[in-house]
């Protein structure tokens, strides 16, 4: 019995030792190139709001993001870029100076209601006394903190609407 076990172990050992490493074959032909995908970021969200007007009696705008894709936690940890398009065809960022520097805008975010409020003042910070400014639409870009690359060395100037849309692969509309 010991002899049979010895022969079996020896045969397995001999088979393992006698195996040699496979030789490498030649490199095959290169595969076809794939199509390029669209630049952008799947985590960045965009919301649009319709027409409105800035007047001496209408200086506060509630932009509600009460949709399931925006959570209170996201409101607390994301960057919100607010732009508004006015009748001269230019996009203005909020906070900042608006059309012909007739007004300044400020924004406030409220995570409990998932809302962004834009308020308008005279450039000196007093109550708005200027003429009516027609807003064609509002656009809010939500950038989750994991995708926000803003730091001391920003890769894009978020005050530049066109550069921001291009950087994130978003529509210019």
N, C-alpha and C. Protein backbone atom coordinates (compact mmCIF):
# COMPACT_ATOMS: atom_id res chain seq x y z
N UNK A 1 0.81 -1.18 0.00
CA UNK A 1 0.00 0.00 0.00
C UNK A 1 0.86 1.25 0.00
N UNK A 2 1.93 1.25 0.83
CA UNK A 2 2.83 2.39 0.88
C UNK A 2 3.51 2.58 -0.46
N UNK A 3 3.77 1.50 -1.13
CA UNK A 3 4.44 1.58 -2.43
C UNK A 3 3.52 2.26 -3.44
N UNK A 4 2.22 1.93 -3.44
CA UNK A 4 1.28 2.53 -4.39
C UNK A 4 1.13 4.03 -4.13
N UNK A 5 1.07 4.43 -2.86
CA UNK A 5 0.96 5.86 -2.52
C UNK A 5 2.23 6.58 -2.95
N UNK A 6 3.38 5.96 -2.70
CA UNK A 6 4.65 6.56 -3.08
C UNK A 6 4.72 6.75 -4.58
N UNK A 7 4.28 5.75 -5.36
CA UNK A 7 4.33 5.83 -6.82
C UNK A 7 3.37 6.93 -7.30
N UNK A 8 2.18 7.03 -6.69
CA UNK A 8 1.20 8.03 -7.09
C UNK A 8 1.73 9.44 -6.81
N UNK A 9 2.31 9.66 -5.64
CA UNK A 9 2.87 10.98 -5.29
C UNK A 9 4.03 11.31 -6.22
N UNK A 10 4.88 10.31 -6.48
CA UNK A 10 6.03 10.52 -7.36
C UNK A 10 5.56 10.88 -8.77
N UNK A 11 4.51 10.21 -9.26
CA UNK A 11 4.00 10.46 -10.61
C UNK A 11 3.44 11.89 -10.71
N UNK A 12 2.70 12.32 -9.70
CA UNK A 12 2.15 13.68 -9.70
C UNK A 12 3.28 14.70 -9.64
N UNK A 13 4.28 14.47 -8.78
CA UNK A 13 5.43 15.37 -8.66
C UNK A 13 6.18 15.45 -9.98
N UNK A 14 6.40 14.31 -10.62
CA UNK A 14 7.13 14.27 -11.88
C UNK A 14 6.37 15.04 -12.96
N UNK A 15 5.04 14.89 -12.97
CA UNK A 15 4.23 15.59 -13.97
C UNK A 15 4.31 17.10 -13.76
N UNK A 16 4.29 17.53 -12.51
CA UNK A 16 4.34 18.97 -12.23
C UNK A 16 5.70 19.55 -12.56
N UNK A 17 6.77 18.82 -12.26
CA UNK A 17 8.12 19.33 -12.49
C UNK A 17 8.43 19.36 -13.98
N UNK A 18 7.89 18.43 -14.73
CA UNK A 18 8.23 18.34 -16.14
C UNK A 18 7.48 19.36 -16.99
N UNK A 19 6.41 20.01 -16.46
CA UNK A 19 5.67 21.02 -17.22
C UNK A 19 6.54 22.25 -17.40
N UNK A 20 6.52 22.80 -18.60
CA UNK A 20 7.26 24.02 -18.82
C UNK A 20 6.30 25.17 -19.07
N UNK A 21 6.77 26.37 -18.84
CA UNK A 21 5.97 27.57 -18.99
C UNK A 21 5.61 27.77 -20.46
N UNK A 22 4.39 28.21 -20.72
CA UNK A 22 3.95 28.43 -22.09
C UNK A 22 4.71 29.59 -22.70
N UNK A 23 4.94 29.49 -23.98
CA UNK A 23 5.63 30.57 -24.68
C UNK A 23 4.63 31.67 -25.01
N UNK A 24 5.14 32.90 -25.04
CA UNK A 24 4.28 34.03 -25.41
C UNK A 24 4.10 34.05 -26.91
N UNK A 25 2.87 34.29 -27.30
CA UNK A 25 2.59 34.40 -28.73
C UNK A 25 2.80 35.83 -29.20
N UNK A 26 2.61 36.02 -30.49
CA UNK A 26 2.77 37.36 -31.05
C UNK A 26 1.55 38.22 -30.68
N UNK A 27 1.76 39.51 -30.66
CA UNK A 27 0.69 40.46 -30.38
C UNK A 27 -0.31 40.43 -31.52
N UNK A 28 -1.58 40.39 -31.21
CA UNK A 28 -2.63 40.40 -32.21
C UNK A 28 -2.84 41.79 -32.77
N UNK A 29 -3.66 41.91 -33.82
CA UNK A 29 -3.90 43.23 -34.41
C UNK A 29 -4.71 44.11 -33.45
N UNK A 30 -4.51 45.40 -33.58
CA UNK A 30 -5.23 46.36 -32.73
C UNK A 30 -6.72 46.34 -33.08
N UNK A 31 -7.56 46.52 -32.08
CA UNK A 31 -8.99 46.57 -32.29
C UNK A 31 -9.42 47.91 -32.85
N UNK A 32 -10.67 47.99 -33.29
CA UNK A 32 -11.19 49.24 -33.85
C UNK A 32 -11.35 50.27 -32.74
N UNK A 33 -11.16 51.54 -33.09
CA UNK A 33 -11.35 52.63 -32.12
C UNK A 33 -12.82 52.77 -31.78
N UNK A 34 -13.11 53.01 -30.51
CA UNK A 34 -14.48 53.26 -30.08
C UNK A 34 -14.87 54.70 -30.35
N UNK A 35 -16.15 54.99 -30.24
CA UNK A 35 -16.60 56.36 -30.45
C UNK A 35 -16.38 57.17 -29.18
N UNK A 36 -16.08 58.43 -29.35
CA UNK A 36 -15.88 59.32 -28.20
C UNK A 36 -17.23 59.64 -27.57
N UNK A 37 -17.27 59.60 -26.26
CA UNK A 37 -18.48 59.97 -25.53
C UNK A 37 -18.59 61.48 -25.40
N UNK A 38 -19.71 61.92 -24.93
CA UNK A 38 -19.94 63.34 -24.72
C UNK A 38 -19.29 63.76 -23.41
N UNK A 39 -18.60 64.89 -23.44
CA UNK A 39 -18.02 65.42 -22.20
C UNK A 39 -19.14 65.87 -21.29
N UNK A 40 -18.89 65.83 -20.02
CA UNK A 40 -19.90 66.27 -19.07
C UNK A 40 -19.74 65.56 -17.76
N UNK A 41 -20.71 65.72 -16.92
CA UNK A 41 -20.65 65.10 -15.62
C UNK A 41 -22.05 64.67 -15.24
N UNK A 42 -22.23 63.38 -15.08
CA UNK A 42 -23.56 62.83 -14.78
C UNK A 42 -24.09 63.29 -13.44
N UNK A 43 -23.23 63.71 -12.54
CA UNK A 43 -23.68 64.10 -11.20
C UNK A 43 -24.15 65.54 -11.13
N UNK A 44 -23.80 66.35 -12.11
CA UNK A 44 -24.21 67.76 -12.13
C UNK A 44 -25.65 67.83 -12.62
N UNK A 45 -26.49 68.57 -11.90
CA UNK A 45 -27.90 68.70 -12.26
C UNK A 45 -28.21 70.14 -12.66
N UNK A 46 -29.16 70.29 -13.58
CA UNK A 46 -29.56 71.61 -14.05
C UNK A 46 -31.07 71.74 -13.90
N UNK A 47 -31.51 72.90 -13.40
CA UNK A 47 -32.94 73.20 -13.25
C UNK A 47 -33.23 74.54 -13.89
N UNK A 48 -34.35 74.62 -14.56
CA UNK A 48 -34.77 75.86 -15.23
C UNK A 48 -36.06 76.37 -14.58
N UNK A 49 -36.18 77.70 -14.57
CA UNK A 49 -37.40 78.35 -14.08
C UNK A 49 -37.76 79.42 -15.11
N UNK A 50 -39.05 79.67 -15.27
CA UNK A 50 -39.56 80.54 -16.33
C UNK A 50 -39.39 82.02 -16.11
N UNK A 51 -40.07 82.76 -16.97
CA UNK A 51 -39.98 84.22 -17.03
C UNK A 51 -40.45 84.88 -15.74
N UNK A 52 -39.88 86.06 -15.50
CA UNK A 52 -40.30 86.88 -14.37
C UNK A 52 -39.76 88.28 -14.63
N UNK A 53 -40.06 89.20 -13.77
CA UNK A 53 -39.58 90.58 -13.93
C UNK A 53 -39.13 91.12 -12.59
N UNK A 54 -38.07 91.90 -12.65
CA UNK A 54 -37.61 92.64 -11.48
C UNK A 54 -38.29 94.00 -11.54
N UNK A 55 -39.00 94.35 -10.47
CA UNK A 55 -39.62 95.67 -10.36
C UNK A 55 -39.38 96.17 -8.94
N UNK A 56 -39.78 97.39 -8.69
CA UNK A 56 -39.61 97.91 -7.33
C UNK A 56 -40.46 97.15 -6.32
N UNK A 57 -41.54 96.50 -6.78
CA UNK A 57 -42.37 95.72 -5.87
C UNK A 57 -42.12 94.21 -5.98
N UNK A 58 -41.29 93.79 -6.92
CA UNK A 58 -40.98 92.36 -7.10
C UNK A 58 -39.46 92.21 -7.14
N UNK A 59 -38.89 91.98 -5.95
CA UNK A 59 -37.42 91.89 -5.86
C UNK A 59 -36.95 90.57 -5.25
N UNK A 60 -37.87 89.66 -4.98
CA UNK A 60 -37.52 88.39 -4.36
C UNK A 60 -38.10 87.25 -5.20
N UNK A 61 -37.28 86.25 -5.49
CA UNK A 61 -37.68 85.14 -6.34
C UNK A 61 -37.39 83.83 -5.63
N UNK A 62 -38.42 83.01 -5.45
CA UNK A 62 -38.28 81.71 -4.81
C UNK A 62 -38.11 80.65 -5.89
N UNK A 63 -36.95 80.01 -5.93
CA UNK A 63 -36.65 78.97 -6.90
C UNK A 63 -36.62 77.65 -6.14
N UNK A 64 -37.74 76.95 -6.15
CA UNK A 64 -37.89 75.74 -5.34
C UNK A 64 -37.32 74.52 -6.05
N UNK A 65 -36.47 73.79 -5.34
CA UNK A 65 -35.88 72.56 -5.87
C UNK A 65 -36.47 71.35 -5.18
N UNK A 66 -37.76 71.40 -4.90
CA UNK A 66 -38.44 70.31 -4.18
C UNK A 66 -38.71 69.14 -5.11
N UNK A 67 -37.66 68.52 -5.56
CA UNK A 67 -37.74 67.31 -6.38
C UNK A 67 -36.94 66.22 -5.68
N UNK A 68 -37.26 64.98 -5.97
CA UNK A 68 -36.61 63.88 -5.25
C UNK A 68 -35.11 63.80 -5.48
N UNK A 69 -34.62 64.34 -6.60
CA UNK A 69 -33.19 64.26 -6.88
C UNK A 69 -32.36 65.27 -6.09
N UNK A 70 -33.03 66.20 -5.39
CA UNK A 70 -32.32 67.17 -4.55
C UNK A 70 -32.77 66.95 -3.11
N UNK A 71 -31.85 66.51 -2.28
CA UNK A 71 -32.15 66.23 -0.88
C UNK A 71 -31.67 67.38 0.01
N UNK A 72 -32.20 67.48 1.22
CA UNK A 72 -31.69 68.51 2.13
C UNK A 72 -30.17 68.37 2.36
N UNK A 73 -29.68 67.14 2.42
CA UNK A 73 -28.24 66.93 2.59
C UNK A 73 -27.48 67.49 1.40
N UNK A 74 -28.01 67.30 0.19
CA UNK A 74 -27.37 67.84 -1.00
C UNK A 74 -27.37 69.36 -0.96
N UNK A 75 -28.45 69.94 -0.45
CA UNK A 75 -28.53 71.40 -0.33
C UNK A 75 -27.42 71.93 0.58
N UNK A 76 -27.08 71.16 1.61
CA UNK A 76 -26.05 71.59 2.56
C UNK A 76 -24.63 71.36 2.06
N UNK A 77 -24.46 70.47 1.09
CA UNK A 77 -23.10 70.09 0.73
C UNK A 77 -22.74 70.31 -0.74
N UNK A 78 -23.59 70.97 -1.50
CA UNK A 78 -23.33 71.17 -2.93
C UNK A 78 -23.09 72.64 -3.24
N UNK A 79 -22.51 72.87 -4.40
CA UNK A 79 -22.37 74.23 -4.91
C UNK A 79 -23.58 74.52 -5.79
N UNK A 80 -24.21 75.66 -5.59
CA UNK A 80 -25.36 76.07 -6.39
C UNK A 80 -24.97 77.30 -7.18
N UNK A 81 -24.99 77.17 -8.49
CA UNK A 81 -24.67 78.29 -9.38
C UNK A 81 -25.98 78.78 -9.96
N UNK A 82 -26.31 80.03 -9.70
CA UNK A 82 -27.58 80.60 -10.14
C UNK A 82 -27.31 81.63 -11.22
N UNK A 83 -27.94 81.46 -12.36
CA UNK A 83 -27.81 82.39 -13.49
C UNK A 83 -29.20 82.84 -13.90
N UNK A 84 -29.28 84.04 -14.45
CA UNK A 84 -30.55 84.50 -15.00
C UNK A 84 -30.28 85.21 -16.33
N UNK A 85 -31.14 84.92 -17.29
CA UNK A 85 -31.04 85.47 -18.64
C UNK A 85 -32.01 86.64 -18.74
N UNK A 86 -31.50 87.80 -19.14
CA UNK A 86 -32.37 88.97 -19.26
C UNK A 86 -32.59 89.30 -20.73
N UNK A 87 -33.44 90.28 -20.99
CA UNK A 87 -33.90 90.58 -22.34
C UNK A 87 -32.80 91.03 -23.30
N UNK A 88 -31.63 91.41 -22.80
CA UNK A 88 -30.54 91.78 -23.71
C UNK A 88 -29.79 90.55 -24.22
N UNK A 89 -30.20 89.35 -23.78
CA UNK A 89 -29.59 88.11 -24.26
C UNK A 89 -28.37 87.66 -23.47
N UNK A 90 -28.06 88.35 -22.39
CA UNK A 90 -26.89 88.00 -21.57
C UNK A 90 -27.31 87.26 -20.31
N UNK A 91 -26.46 86.33 -19.90
CA UNK A 91 -26.66 85.59 -18.64
C UNK A 91 -25.88 86.30 -17.55
N UNK A 92 -26.50 86.47 -16.41
CA UNK A 92 -25.86 87.09 -15.25
C UNK A 92 -25.85 86.10 -14.10
N UNK A 93 -24.79 86.13 -13.34
CA UNK A 93 -24.66 85.22 -12.20
C UNK A 93 -25.18 85.88 -10.94
N UNK A 94 -25.73 85.05 -10.08
CA UNK A 94 -26.17 85.55 -8.76
C UNK A 94 -25.41 84.74 -7.71
N UNK A 95 -24.81 85.37 -6.77
CA UNK A 95 -24.82 86.81 -6.51
C UNK A 95 -23.92 87.56 -7.49
N UNK A 96 -24.24 88.81 -7.68
CA UNK A 96 -23.43 89.66 -8.55
C UNK A 96 -24.24 90.80 -9.10
N UNK A 97 -23.57 91.63 -9.89
CA UNK A 97 -24.24 92.74 -10.54
C UNK A 97 -24.99 92.24 -11.76
N UNK A 98 -26.16 92.80 -11.99
CA UNK A 98 -26.98 92.39 -13.11
C UNK A 98 -26.88 93.35 -14.28
N UNK A 99 -27.89 93.31 -15.12
CA UNK A 99 -27.98 94.07 -16.35
C UNK A 99 -27.50 95.51 -16.19
N UNK A 100 -26.47 95.87 -16.92
CA UNK A 100 -25.87 97.22 -16.91
C UNK A 100 -25.55 97.72 -15.51
N UNK A 101 -25.35 96.80 -14.58
CA UNK A 101 -25.05 97.13 -13.18
C UNK A 101 -26.16 97.97 -12.54
N UNK A 102 -27.40 97.80 -13.03
CA UNK A 102 -28.56 98.49 -12.46
C UNK A 102 -28.95 97.93 -11.10
N UNK A 103 -28.56 96.69 -10.85
CA UNK A 103 -28.94 96.03 -9.61
C UNK A 103 -27.88 95.00 -9.24
N UNK A 104 -27.93 94.59 -7.99
CA UNK A 104 -27.13 93.46 -7.55
C UNK A 104 -28.07 92.39 -7.04
N UNK A 105 -27.65 91.15 -7.18
CA UNK A 105 -28.48 90.05 -6.69
C UNK A 105 -27.72 89.30 -5.61
N UNK A 106 -28.48 88.75 -4.71
CA UNK A 106 -27.94 87.90 -3.63
C UNK A 106 -28.75 86.62 -3.63
N UNK A 107 -28.13 85.53 -3.20
CA UNK A 107 -28.89 84.28 -3.10
C UNK A 107 -28.78 83.72 -1.69
N UNK A 108 -29.84 83.02 -1.33
CA UNK A 108 -29.92 82.36 -0.03
C UNK A 108 -30.44 80.96 -0.27
N UNK A 109 -29.80 79.97 0.31
CA UNK A 109 -30.28 78.59 0.17
C UNK A 109 -30.86 78.13 1.50
N UNK A 110 -31.94 77.39 1.38
CA UNK A 110 -32.62 76.85 2.56
C UNK A 110 -32.80 75.35 2.35
N UNK A 111 -32.02 74.57 3.09
CA UNK A 111 -32.07 73.12 2.90
C UNK A 111 -33.39 72.52 3.38
N UNK A 112 -34.00 73.08 4.42
CA UNK A 112 -35.23 72.51 4.96
C UNK A 112 -36.37 72.55 3.93
N UNK A 113 -36.42 73.59 3.10
CA UNK A 113 -37.46 73.69 2.08
C UNK A 113 -36.93 73.40 0.68
N UNK A 114 -35.64 73.11 0.58
CA UNK A 114 -34.98 72.86 -0.71
C UNK A 114 -35.26 73.99 -1.69
N UNK A 115 -35.02 75.20 -1.22
CA UNK A 115 -35.29 76.39 -2.03
C UNK A 115 -34.07 77.28 -2.09
N UNK A 116 -34.02 78.03 -3.17
CA UNK A 116 -33.03 79.08 -3.34
C UNK A 116 -33.81 80.37 -3.56
N UNK A 117 -33.48 81.39 -2.81
CA UNK A 117 -34.11 82.69 -2.97
C UNK A 117 -33.09 83.63 -3.57
N UNK A 118 -33.51 84.33 -4.61
CA UNK A 118 -32.68 85.38 -5.18
C UNK A 118 -33.36 86.70 -4.85
N UNK A 119 -32.62 87.60 -4.24
CA UNK A 119 -33.15 88.92 -3.92
C UNK A 119 -32.34 89.97 -4.65
N UNK A 120 -33.02 91.03 -5.03
CA UNK A 120 -32.41 92.08 -5.84
C UNK A 120 -32.42 93.38 -5.06
N UNK A 121 -31.30 94.11 -5.14
CA UNK A 121 -31.11 95.39 -4.46
C UNK A 121 -30.46 96.37 -5.43
N UNK A 122 -30.47 97.64 -5.05
CA UNK A 122 -29.66 98.61 -5.78
C UNK A 122 -28.20 98.21 -5.61
N UNK A 123 -27.32 98.66 -6.49
CA UNK A 123 -25.90 98.31 -6.36
C UNK A 123 -25.29 98.69 -5.01
N UNK A 124 -25.85 99.72 -4.35
CA UNK A 124 -25.30 100.12 -3.05
C UNK A 124 -25.90 99.32 -1.89
N UNK A 125 -26.79 98.35 -2.18
CA UNK A 125 -27.36 97.50 -1.14
C UNK A 125 -28.69 97.97 -0.60
N UNK A 126 -29.16 99.13 -1.04
CA UNK A 126 -30.46 99.62 -0.58
C UNK A 126 -31.58 98.97 -1.40
N UNK A 127 -32.83 99.19 -1.00
CA UNK A 127 -33.98 98.62 -1.69
C UNK A 127 -33.98 99.02 -3.16
N UNK A 128 -34.37 98.11 -4.03
CA UNK A 128 -34.33 98.34 -5.48
C UNK A 128 -35.31 99.44 -5.88
N UNK A 129 -34.80 100.43 -6.62
CA UNK A 129 -35.62 101.55 -7.07
C UNK A 129 -35.54 101.74 -8.57
N UNK A 130 -34.90 100.82 -9.26
CA UNK A 130 -34.69 100.97 -10.71
C UNK A 130 -35.90 100.61 -11.53
N UNK A 131 -35.71 100.64 -12.84
CA UNK A 131 -36.79 100.32 -13.76
C UNK A 131 -36.95 98.80 -13.88
N UNK A 132 -38.01 98.40 -14.57
CA UNK A 132 -38.30 96.97 -14.72
C UNK A 132 -37.23 96.29 -15.57
N UNK A 133 -36.80 95.12 -15.13
CA UNK A 133 -35.86 94.28 -15.89
C UNK A 133 -36.55 92.95 -16.12
N UNK A 134 -36.68 92.55 -17.38
CA UNK A 134 -37.35 91.31 -17.72
C UNK A 134 -36.37 90.15 -17.70
N UNK A 135 -36.69 89.14 -16.89
CA UNK A 135 -35.88 87.93 -16.82
C UNK A 135 -36.57 86.90 -17.72
N UNK A 136 -35.83 86.38 -18.69
CA UNK A 136 -36.39 85.39 -19.60
C UNK A 136 -36.41 84.00 -19.00
N UNK A 137 -35.40 83.68 -18.19
CA UNK A 137 -35.37 82.40 -17.47
C UNK A 137 -34.27 82.40 -16.44
N UNK A 138 -34.44 81.51 -15.47
CA UNK A 138 -33.42 81.25 -14.46
C UNK A 138 -32.84 79.87 -14.74
N UNK A 139 -31.57 79.70 -14.44
CA UNK A 139 -30.92 78.40 -14.59
C UNK A 139 -30.09 78.15 -13.34
N UNK A 140 -30.34 77.01 -12.70
CA UNK A 140 -29.57 76.64 -11.51
C UNK A 140 -28.76 75.39 -11.83
N UNK A 141 -27.46 75.46 -11.59
CA UNK A 141 -26.57 74.32 -11.78
C UNK A 141 -26.17 73.84 -10.40
N UNK A 142 -26.45 72.56 -10.13
CA UNK A 142 -26.15 71.96 -8.83
C UNK A 142 -24.95 71.04 -9.00
N UNK A 143 -23.87 71.35 -8.28
CA UNK A 143 -22.64 70.56 -8.37
C UNK A 143 -22.40 69.90 -7.02
N UNK A 144 -22.55 68.57 -6.93
CA UNK A 144 -22.30 67.89 -5.65
C UNK A 144 -20.88 68.12 -5.18
N UNK A 145 -20.69 68.10 -3.88
CA UNK A 145 -19.36 68.40 -3.32
C UNK A 145 -18.29 67.46 -3.86
N UNK A 146 -18.66 66.22 -4.18
CA UNK A 146 -17.67 65.27 -4.70
C UNK A 146 -17.18 65.66 -6.09
N UNK A 147 -17.93 66.50 -6.81
CA UNK A 147 -17.56 66.91 -8.15
C UNK A 147 -17.12 68.37 -8.24
N UNK A 148 -17.21 69.07 -7.14
CA UNK A 148 -16.87 70.50 -7.14
C UNK A 148 -15.35 70.63 -7.10
N UNK A 149 -14.82 71.18 -8.16
CA UNK A 149 -13.37 71.30 -8.25
C UNK A 149 -12.90 72.72 -7.91
N UNK A 150 -13.78 73.48 -7.27
CA UNK A 150 -13.43 74.84 -6.92
C UNK A 150 -12.49 74.86 -5.73
N UNK A 151 -11.43 75.55 -5.87
CA UNK A 151 -10.47 75.70 -4.78
C UNK A 151 -9.74 77.00 -5.02
N UNK A 152 -8.61 77.16 -4.40
CA UNK A 152 -7.85 78.39 -4.63
C UNK A 152 -7.45 78.52 -6.09
N UNK A 153 -7.24 77.39 -6.74
CA UNK A 153 -6.89 77.40 -8.17
C UNK A 153 -8.07 76.81 -8.94
N UNK A 154 -9.08 77.62 -9.17
CA UNK A 154 -10.29 77.16 -9.85
C UNK A 154 -9.97 76.79 -11.30
N UNK A 155 -10.52 75.67 -11.76
CA UNK A 155 -10.33 75.31 -13.15
C UNK A 155 -11.24 76.11 -14.09
N UNK A 156 -12.24 76.79 -13.52
CA UNK A 156 -13.18 77.57 -14.31
C UNK A 156 -13.66 78.75 -13.46
N UNK A 157 -13.94 79.85 -14.14
CA UNK A 157 -14.50 81.02 -13.46
C UNK A 157 -16.02 80.86 -13.49
N UNK A 158 -16.62 80.55 -12.34
CA UNK A 158 -18.06 80.30 -12.29
C UNK A 158 -18.88 81.56 -12.58
N UNK A 159 -18.27 82.73 -12.57
CA UNK A 159 -18.97 83.95 -12.96
C UNK A 159 -19.10 84.05 -14.48
N UNK A 160 -18.32 83.28 -15.20
CA UNK A 160 -18.35 83.25 -16.66
C UNK A 160 -19.31 82.13 -17.09
N UNK A 161 -20.52 82.51 -17.47
CA UNK A 161 -21.56 81.54 -17.81
C UNK A 161 -21.09 80.56 -18.90
N UNK A 162 -20.58 81.09 -20.00
CA UNK A 162 -20.17 80.23 -21.12
C UNK A 162 -19.05 79.27 -20.72
N UNK A 163 -18.07 79.75 -19.98
CA UNK A 163 -16.96 78.88 -19.56
C UNK A 163 -17.45 77.78 -18.62
N UNK A 164 -18.38 78.12 -17.73
CA UNK A 164 -18.91 77.13 -16.79
C UNK A 164 -19.69 76.05 -17.53
N UNK A 165 -20.56 76.46 -18.46
CA UNK A 165 -21.35 75.48 -19.21
C UNK A 165 -20.43 74.58 -20.04
N UNK A 166 -19.42 75.16 -20.64
CA UNK A 166 -18.47 74.38 -21.45
C UNK A 166 -17.71 73.41 -20.55
N UNK A 167 -17.25 73.86 -19.40
CA UNK A 167 -16.46 73.03 -18.49
C UNK A 167 -17.24 71.79 -18.05
N UNK A 168 -18.53 71.96 -17.75
CA UNK A 168 -19.35 70.83 -17.29
C UNK A 168 -20.10 70.14 -18.43
N UNK A 169 -19.89 70.57 -19.67
CA UNK A 169 -20.54 69.93 -20.80
C UNK A 169 -22.04 70.15 -20.82
N UNK A 170 -22.47 71.35 -20.40
CA UNK A 170 -23.90 71.66 -20.31
C UNK A 170 -24.34 72.56 -21.47
N UNK A 171 -25.62 72.53 -21.75
CA UNK A 171 -26.19 73.34 -22.82
C UNK A 171 -26.09 74.83 -22.48
N UNK A 172 -25.89 75.64 -23.51
CA UNK A 172 -25.79 77.09 -23.30
C UNK A 172 -27.16 77.76 -23.25
N UNK A 173 -28.24 77.03 -23.42
CA UNK A 173 -29.57 77.65 -23.46
C UNK A 173 -29.97 78.24 -22.13
